């Protein structure tokens, strides 16, 4: 698709700068350099704005904020408008919320809440209070900004940024969402809302959601968390630290929007981007809940390989990834049965590591296996991101 931007900006969140670690700093600076290198190859070479949607500092201390300021000064060009939102983590240091708001102004000289236009598009940035709440006074301010934006032009996107997800929208919003402003935004289909807080992967197809308006989760540069509680290791996978994602967002002369998820660690875009042709028209939305019914089931083909061994009191399981005609496989369910009785002994679910650009070729994990010598059957299913599920693969093994 030939897409000629008139506007480009970066969106990131949950960077979690720390004093005793440079991992996030190195990833962040690498990612910003990648964005400018990408822009330089385009017909439109500018990056007009940068947005950090909360939790850019792990505790909000002055030292962390100064460290992040030094990175911004080194990698963000003067032509790029810097926008920073405060949220729960920034409130953990001296003076709490009030101290964080004060440090934001003194160190960065930016507004905690801001409303402005760039190249014909409105932007609304909201910092939270009392952790991740947006209370009545800020709700009234948001309403006024939205009314002003549509009074000038309805057929253009309105970009809104706040740290917590909007409940029951994007992946991560069930556990890490808030409903303070949903009722306000429903009257404005042209809103494209960016939020963080959950650390949920931005290349998960559920990270974009359209119903009354468009919502996107903004991931993390620190560690991943998943929004399902039935994984064998809980919501935080073992490879959670392989995390460094953000968006490059572009708008063209027709006010169509392209949102491209970037993987910093590999230096690649996950795909060609989410494309919103007419953000102001809900009938044109394609990233809706209807995608669940259209999802193609994953499948195992002739290349499938599997190894199951008992080592001491643990079962070592390894199998090759399934295939899919959609984007990627989400996860795997493994059921262990007794071959003699067919009784279920264990049921486990593991992630496919779809959030890593170069996904592992094999899934490997160990589980406690307190059973005697005998014959067993492992049933393996591959899961899609919604409800699609592969046919099972049955593997017999003995211990």
Protein backbone atom coordinates (compact mmCIF):
# COMPACT_ATOMS: atom_id res chain seq x y z
CA UNK A 1 0.00 0.00 0.00
CA UNK A 2 1.38 3.39 -0.99
CA UNK A 3 1.05 5.56 2.10
CA UNK A 4 2.33 9.16 1.97
CA UNK A 5 2.41 10.71 5.47
CA UNK A 6 1.73 14.32 6.37
CA UNK A 7 2.30 13.57 10.06
CA UNK A 8 4.33 11.03 12.03
CA UNK A 9 4.75 10.38 15.74
CA UNK A 10 6.10 7.81 18.22
CA UNK A 11 4.07 6.23 21.02
CA UNK A 12 5.62 4.26 23.86
CA UNK A 13 4.86 3.55 27.50
CA UNK A 14 6.05 1.60 30.55
CA UNK A 15 9.70 2.28 29.85
CA UNK A 16 10.57 2.05 33.57
CA UNK A 17 13.89 3.88 33.70
CA UNK A 18 15.93 2.77 36.72
CA UNK A 19 19.07 4.08 38.35
CA UNK A 20 20.61 0.66 38.99
CA UNK A 21 20.01 -0.71 35.48
CA UNK A 22 20.69 0.51 31.94
CA UNK A 23 18.73 -2.20 30.09
CA UNK A 24 15.68 -0.01 29.45
CA UNK A 25 17.88 2.98 28.62
CA UNK A 26 19.81 1.07 25.98
CA UNK A 27 16.64 -0.36 24.44
CA UNK A 28 14.85 2.98 24.44
CA UNK A 29 17.70 4.90 22.82
CA UNK A 30 18.15 2.18 20.20
CA UNK A 31 14.42 2.29 19.41
CA UNK A 32 14.33 6.04 18.95
CA UNK A 33 17.34 5.95 16.62
CA UNK A 34 15.52 3.28 14.61
CA UNK A 35 12.49 5.57 14.27
CA UNK A 36 14.53 8.45 12.90
CA UNK A 37 16.38 6.12 10.52
CA UNK A 38 13.01 4.91 9.23
CA UNK A 39 11.76 8.47 8.80
CA UNK A 40 14.89 9.49 6.94
CA UNK A 41 14.15 6.89 4.25
CA UNK A 42 10.60 8.21 3.75
CA UNK A 43 9.38 11.00 1.49
CA UNK A 44 8.21 12.69 4.70
CA UNK A 45 11.28 12.74 6.90
CA UNK A 46 10.03 14.30 10.13
CA UNK A 47 8.93 12.83 13.41
CA UNK A 48 6.54 15.47 14.65
CA UNK A 49 5.93 14.23 18.19
CA UNK A 50 6.97 11.71 20.83
CA UNK A 51 4.55 10.36 23.47
CA UNK A 52 5.46 8.44 26.61
CA UNK A 53 2.13 7.27 28.00
CA UNK A 54 3.06 6.89 31.67
CA UNK A 55 5.51 4.85 33.76
CA UNK A 56 8.54 6.18 31.91
CA UNK A 57 10.29 6.31 35.32
CA UNK A 58 10.16 3.25 37.54
CA UNK A 59 9.59 5.17 40.78
CA UNK A 60 9.43 8.78 39.60
CA UNK A 61 12.52 9.83 41.57
CA UNK A 62 14.41 12.92 40.52
CA UNK A 63 17.42 10.80 39.55
CA UNK A 64 15.31 8.56 37.27
CA UNK A 65 13.60 11.53 35.67
CA UNK A 66 16.95 13.23 35.04
CA UNK A 67 18.30 10.03 33.53
CA UNK A 68 15.33 9.81 31.17
CA UNK A 69 15.70 13.52 30.35
CA UNK A 70 19.32 12.88 29.33
CA UNK A 71 18.16 10.14 26.96
CA UNK A 72 15.49 12.36 25.43
CA UNK A 73 18.07 15.11 24.91
CA UNK A 74 20.40 12.66 23.17
CA UNK A 75 17.96 10.84 20.87
CA UNK A 76 14.90 13.06 20.32
CA UNK A 77 15.49 15.82 17.76
CA UNK A 78 14.44 19.43 18.44
CA UNK A 79 11.78 19.24 15.69
CA UNK A 80 9.92 16.54 17.70
CA UNK A 81 7.43 17.73 20.33
CA UNK A 82 7.91 15.77 23.56
CA UNK A 83 4.81 14.72 25.51
CA UNK A 84 5.03 12.88 28.82
CA UNK A 85 2.17 11.60 30.94
CA UNK A 86 2.36 10.76 34.62
CA UNK A 87 0.83 7.65 36.17
CA UNK A 88 1.14 5.27 39.08
CA UNK A 89 4.89 4.55 39.00
CA UNK A 90 5.89 8.20 38.80
CA UNK A 91 4.00 8.77 42.07
CA UNK A 92 6.17 6.37 44.12
CA UNK A 93 8.89 8.86 45.08
CA UNK A 94 9.27 11.93 47.27
CA UNK A 95 6.11 14.02 47.48
CA UNK A 96 3.97 11.33 45.85
CA UNK A 97 1.65 12.60 43.14
CA UNK A 98 2.25 16.27 43.90
CA UNK A 99 6.01 15.76 43.81
CA UNK A 100 5.80 13.95 40.46
CA UNK A 101 3.77 16.74 38.87
CA UNK A 102 6.30 19.27 40.18
CA UNK A 103 9.30 17.33 38.87
CA UNK A 104 7.65 16.90 35.45
CA UNK A 105 7.39 20.67 35.05
CA UNK A 106 10.78 21.50 36.51
CA UNK A 107 12.81 18.87 34.68
CA UNK A 108 11.03 18.58 31.33
CA UNK A 109 9.03 21.82 31.09
CA UNK A 110 6.07 19.96 29.58
CA UNK A 111 2.39 19.97 30.56
CA UNK A 112 0.99 16.98 32.43
CA UNK A 113 -2.30 17.49 30.58
CA UNK A 114 -2.16 19.02 27.12
CA UNK A 115 -4.37 19.69 24.11
CA UNK A 116 -2.89 20.85 20.81
CA UNK A 117 -2.91 20.31 17.05
CA UNK A 118 -0.17 19.12 14.74
CA UNK A 119 -0.57 19.15 10.96
CA UNK A 120 -4.34 19.33 11.23
CA UNK A 121 -4.79 16.59 13.85
CA UNK A 122 -5.84 17.14 17.52
CA UNK A 123 -3.92 15.52 20.38
CA UNK A 124 -5.13 15.17 23.99
CA UNK A 125 -2.72 14.00 26.70
CA UNK A 126 -3.98 13.15 30.21
CA UNK A 127 -1.94 12.36 33.31
CA UNK A 128 -3.70 10.35 35.99
CA UNK A 129 -4.19 10.99 39.70
CA UNK A 130 -4.62 8.72 42.73
CA UNK A 131 -2.70 6.06 40.88
CA UNK A 132 -4.45 5.51 37.56
CA UNK A 133 -7.71 7.43 37.92
CA UNK A 134 -9.07 10.21 35.71
CA UNK A 135 -11.48 12.11 37.95
CA UNK A 136 -14.30 14.55 37.39
CA UNK A 137 -12.26 17.72 36.81
CA UNK A 138 -10.11 16.03 34.17
CA UNK A 139 -13.15 14.37 32.65
CA UNK A 140 -14.71 17.81 32.17
CA UNK A 141 -11.49 19.09 30.62
CA UNK A 142 -11.36 16.09 28.24
CA UNK A 143 -14.98 16.67 27.22
CA UNK A 144 -14.23 20.30 26.43
CA UNK A 145 -11.22 19.35 24.31
CA UNK A 146 -13.22 16.80 22.32
CA UNK A 147 -16.07 19.25 21.69
CA UNK A 148 -13.59 21.85 20.50
CA UNK A 149 -11.85 19.38 18.19
CA UNK A 150 -15.05 18.25 16.43
CA UNK A 151 -16.38 21.80 16.18
CA UNK A 152 -13.53 22.52 13.78
CA UNK A 153 -13.57 19.30 11.74
CA UNK A 154 -15.21 15.90 12.29
CA UNK A 155 -13.53 13.91 9.53
CA UNK A 156 -10.10 13.59 11.09
CA UNK A 157 -8.61 11.41 13.84
CA UNK A 158 -8.43 12.70 17.39
CA UNK A 159 -5.54 11.15 19.28
CA UNK A 160 -6.03 10.61 23.04
CA UNK A 161 -3.37 9.32 25.44
CA UNK A 162 -3.67 8.11 29.05
CA UNK A 163 -1.86 5.44 31.01
CA UNK A 164 -4.56 2.92 32.05
CA UNK A 165 -6.34 0.90 29.39
CA UNK A 166 -10.05 1.44 28.86
CA UNK A 167 -11.76 -1.55 30.46
CA UNK A 168 -12.81 -4.37 28.11
CA UNK A 169 -11.15 -2.93 25.02
CA UNK A 170 -7.59 -4.01 24.22
CA UNK A 171 -5.72 -7.07 25.44
CA UNK A 172 -4.62 -6.35 28.99
CA UNK A 173 -7.61 -4.16 29.81
CA UNK A 174 -9.46 -6.65 31.99
CA UNK A 175 -6.78 -6.72 34.67
CA UNK A 176 -5.25 -3.29 33.98
CA UNK A 177 -8.18 -1.18 32.78
CA UNK A 178 -10.28 1.69 34.09
CA UNK A 179 -13.68 2.92 32.91
CA UNK A 180 -13.47 6.59 33.99
CA UNK A 181 -13.61 8.09 30.48
CA UNK A 182 -15.24 5.39 28.34
CA UNK A 183 -18.69 7.02 28.43
CA UNK A 184 -17.13 10.29 27.26
CA UNK A 185 -15.24 8.76 24.34
CA UNK A 186 -18.17 6.74 22.95
CA UNK A 187 -19.60 9.85 21.26
CA UNK A 188 -16.40 10.32 19.27
CA UNK A 189 -15.71 7.46 16.83
CA UNK A 190 -12.77 9.46 15.43
CA UNK A 191 -10.89 9.01 18.71
CA UNK A 192 -7.81 6.79 18.52
CA UNK A 193 -6.86 6.11 22.13
CA UNK A 194 -3.44 4.92 23.28
CA UNK A 195 -2.91 3.39 26.73
CA UNK A 196 -0.39 1.29 28.63
CA UNK A 197 -0.18 -0.07 32.18
CA UNK A 198 -0.54 -3.78 31.34
CA UNK A 199 2.77 -4.41 29.50
CA UNK A 200 0.73 -6.58 27.10
CA UNK A 201 2.42 -7.18 23.72
CA UNK A 202 1.51 -4.68 21.00
CA UNK A 203 1.83 -7.28 18.25
CA UNK A 204 -0.99 -9.28 19.82
CA UNK A 205 -3.91 -8.73 17.39
CA UNK A 206 -6.11 -8.00 20.40
CA UNK A 207 -3.91 -4.97 21.18
CA UNK A 208 -6.08 -2.98 18.76
CA UNK A 209 -9.83 -2.81 19.38
CA UNK A 210 -12.65 -0.97 17.63
CA UNK A 211 -16.21 -0.60 18.77
CA UNK A 212 -17.40 2.94 19.45
CA UNK A 213 -13.88 4.25 18.77
CA UNK A 214 -10.37 2.82 18.34
CA UNK A 215 -8.17 1.70 21.25
CA UNK A 216 -4.56 0.51 21.25
CA UNK A 217 -2.30 -0.87 23.95
CA UNK A 218 1.22 0.53 23.95
CA UNK A 219 3.26 -2.38 25.36
CA UNK A 220 6.50 -1.89 27.26
CA UNK A 221 10.26 -1.48 26.96
CA UNK A 222 10.86 -3.37 30.21
CA UNK A 223 8.98 -6.69 30.52
CA UNK A 224 5.89 -8.43 29.19
CA UNK A 225 2.78 -9.41 31.09
CA UNK A 226 -0.10 -11.45 29.67
CA UNK A 227 -3.78 -11.01 30.47
CA UNK A 228 -4.72 -14.63 31.07
CA UNK A 229 -4.46 -16.36 34.40
CA UNK A 230 -4.41 -19.98 33.24
CA UNK A 231 -0.79 -20.13 32.09
CA UNK A 232 1.25 -22.58 34.15
CA UNK A 233 3.52 -19.69 35.28
CA UNK A 234 0.79 -17.10 35.78
CA UNK A 235 0.60 -13.87 33.80
CA UNK A 236 4.35 -13.24 33.52
CA UNK A 237 6.08 -15.70 31.14
CA UNK A 238 9.66 -16.93 31.68
CA UNK A 239 10.93 -14.92 28.68
CA UNK A 240 9.19 -11.73 29.82
CA UNK A 241 12.41 -9.68 29.75
CA UNK A 242 12.78 -10.02 25.97
CA UNK A 243 10.59 -6.97 25.69
CA UNK A 244 11.08 -3.71 23.79
CA UNK A 245 8.17 -2.49 21.67
CA UNK A 246 6.62 0.79 20.55
CA UNK A 247 4.54 2.31 17.73
CA UNK A 248 5.31 4.57 14.83
CA UNK A 249 2.05 6.25 13.78
CA UNK A 250 1.46 8.06 10.49
CA UNK A 251 -1.42 10.11 9.04
CA UNK A 252 -1.83 10.91 5.34
CA UNK A 253 -3.52 13.80 3.52
CA UNK A 254 -6.87 11.96 3.60
CA UNK A 255 -6.58 11.58 7.39
CA UNK A 256 -6.15 7.82 7.12
CA UNK A 257 -3.95 6.39 9.86
CA UNK A 258 -1.28 3.70 9.80
CA UNK A 259 0.01 2.31 13.12
CA UNK A 260 3.16 0.18 12.91
CA UNK A 261 4.33 -1.97 15.86
CA UNK A 262 8.12 -1.98 16.22
CA UNK A 263 10.31 -4.61 17.84
CA UNK A 264 13.45 -2.88 19.11
CA UNK A 265 15.42 -6.03 19.92
CA UNK A 266 15.33 -7.37 16.35
CA UNK A 267 15.15 -3.97 14.66
CA UNK A 268 12.02 -4.91 12.70
CA UNK A 269 8.37 -3.97 12.26
CA UNK A 270 6.14 -6.85 13.34
CA UNK A 271 3.99 -6.28 10.26
CA UNK A 272 3.03 -3.56 7.77
CA UNK A 273 0.75 -1.86 10.25
CA UNK A 274 -2.84 -1.46 11.43
CA UNK A 275 -4.64 0.66 8.83
CA UNK A 276 -7.62 2.86 9.69
CA UNK A 277 -8.92 4.43 6.49
CA UNK A 278 -11.76 6.53 7.94
CA UNK A 279 -11.38 6.75 11.73
CA UNK A 280 -14.54 8.87 12.07
CA UNK A 281 -16.79 6.20 10.51
CA UNK A 282 -17.55 3.21 12.80
CA UNK A 283 -19.09 1.25 9.92
CA UNK A 284 -15.61 1.08 8.40
CA UNK A 285 -14.00 -0.46 11.49
CA UNK A 286 -12.27 -3.80 10.84
CA UNK A 287 -10.50 -4.46 14.18
CA UNK A 288 -13.71 -5.41 15.96
CA UNK A 289 -14.84 -8.33 18.10
CA UNK A 290 -16.10 -9.96 14.89
CA UNK A 291 -12.51 -11.03 14.19
CA UNK A 292 -12.91 -13.80 16.75
CA UNK A 293 -15.44 -15.64 14.59
CA UNK A 294 -13.22 -15.37 11.50
CA UNK A 295 -10.00 -16.58 13.08
CA UNK A 296 -8.39 -19.52 11.30
CA UNK A 297 -7.46 -22.45 13.50
CA UNK A 298 -3.76 -23.28 13.92
CA UNK A 299 -2.59 -26.68 12.68
CA UNK A 300 0.27 -29.15 12.99
CA UNK A 301 1.81 -30.47 9.78
CA UNK A 302 4.29 -33.19 8.86
CA UNK A 303 7.21 -31.23 10.29
CA UNK A 304 5.91 -31.66 13.87
CA UNK A 305 8.47 -33.07 16.30
CA UNK A 306 8.04 -33.88 19.97
CA UNK A 307 10.16 -35.19 22.84
CA UNK A 308 8.89 -36.09 26.32
CA UNK A 309 11.28 -37.38 29.00
CA UNK A 310 11.14 -37.72 32.75
CA UNK A 311 14.24 -36.34 34.45
CA UNK A 312 14.18 -36.94 38.20
CA UNK A 313 10.75 -35.67 39.37
CA UNK A 314 10.02 -33.49 36.34
CA UNK A 315 8.66 -34.11 32.89
CA UNK A 316 10.72 -32.39 30.19
CA UNK A 317 8.50 -31.52 27.22
CA UNK A 318 9.62 -30.18 23.86
CA UNK A 319 7.63 -29.83 20.65
CA UNK A 320 7.76 -27.80 17.45
CA UNK A 321 5.54 -24.78 16.90
CA UNK A 322 2.26 -25.18 15.05
CA UNK A 323 1.46 -23.38 11.80
CA UNK A 324 -1.22 -20.79 11.13
CA UNK A 325 -2.71 -19.00 8.15
CA UNK A 326 -3.34 -16.01 10.42
CA UNK A 327 -0.63 -13.95 12.09
CA UNK A 328 0.84 -16.21 14.76
CA UNK A 329 -0.09 -18.93 17.27
CA UNK A 330 -1.01 -17.60 20.71
CA UNK A 331 -0.43 -20.54 23.05
CA UNK A 332 -0.54 -24.29 23.62
CA UNK A 333 -2.61 -26.52 25.89
CA UNK A 334 -1.11 -29.82 27.01
CA UNK A 335 -3.13 -32.59 28.65
CA UNK A 336 -1.40 -35.61 30.21
CA UNK A 337 -3.48 -38.79 30.53
CA UNK A 338 -2.89 -42.26 31.88
CA UNK A 339 -2.72 -44.68 28.95
CA UNK A 340 -4.37 -47.40 31.06
CA UNK A 341 -7.37 -45.46 32.42
CA UNK A 342 -7.47 -42.41 30.13
CA UNK A 343 -7.80 -40.28 33.26
CA UNK A 344 -6.52 -36.71 33.06
CA UNK A 345 -3.50 -36.29 35.31
CA UNK A 346 -2.24 -32.82 34.36
CA UNK A 347 -3.41 -29.87 32.26
CA UNK A 348 -1.03 -27.03 31.41
CA UNK A 349 -1.08 -23.98 29.16
CA UNK A 350 2.06 -22.22 27.84
CA UNK A 351 2.66 -19.23 25.60
CA UNK A 352 4.04 -19.58 22.10
CA UNK A 353 6.31 -16.53 22.73
CA UNK A 354 4.52 -14.80 19.85
CA UNK A 355 5.63 -11.46 21.27
CA UNK A 356 9.25 -12.19 20.28
CA UNK A 357 9.94 -11.24 16.66
CA UNK A 358 12.08 -14.33 16.02
CA UNK A 359 9.85 -16.85 17.77
CA UNK A 360 11.56 -19.99 19.08
CA UNK A 361 11.29 -22.98 16.76
CA UNK A 362 10.43 -25.28 19.65
CA UNK A 363 8.37 -24.95 22.81
CA UNK A 364 10.25 -26.23 25.88
CA UNK A 365 9.12 -26.49 29.48
CA UNK A 366 9.34 -28.69 32.57
CA UNK A 367 6.48 -29.72 34.82
CA UNK A 368 6.34 -31.63 38.09
CA UNK A 369 5.40 -35.25 37.41
CA UNK A 370 4.88 -37.23 40.64
CA UNK A 371 3.60 -40.39 38.93
CA UNK A 372 4.96 -43.92 38.87
CA UNK A 373 6.49 -45.83 36.02
CA UNK A 374 3.96 -46.53 33.30
CA UNK A 375 2.53 -45.51 29.95
CA UNK A 376 1.07 -42.09 29.32
CA UNK A 377 -0.41 -39.95 26.55
CA UNK A 378 0.21 -36.26 25.95
CA UNK A 379 -2.46 -34.37 24.00
CA UNK A 380 -1.20 -31.10 22.50
CA UNK A 381 -3.44 -28.34 21.15
CA UNK A 382 -2.41 -25.03 19.54
CA UNK A 383 -4.59 -22.03 20.43
CA UNK A 384 -5.44 -18.95 18.41
CA UNK A 385 -5.80 -15.51 19.99
CA UNK A 386 -9.55 -15.86 20.38
CA UNK A 387 -11.31 -19.23 20.33
CA UNK A 388 -9.80 -21.11 17.39
CA UNK A 389 -8.07 -24.33 18.37
CA UNK A 390 -6.10 -26.91 16.41
CA UNK A 391 -6.85 -30.60 16.17
CA UNK A 392 -4.99 -32.41 18.90
CA UNK A 393 -1.71 -34.21 18.48
CA UNK A 394 -1.37 -37.32 20.64
CA UNK A 395 2.08 -38.44 21.78
CA UNK A 396 2.59 -41.67 23.72
CA UNK A 397 5.46 -41.91 26.19
CA UNK A 398 6.63 -44.10 29.02
CA UNK A 399 8.49 -43.45 32.23
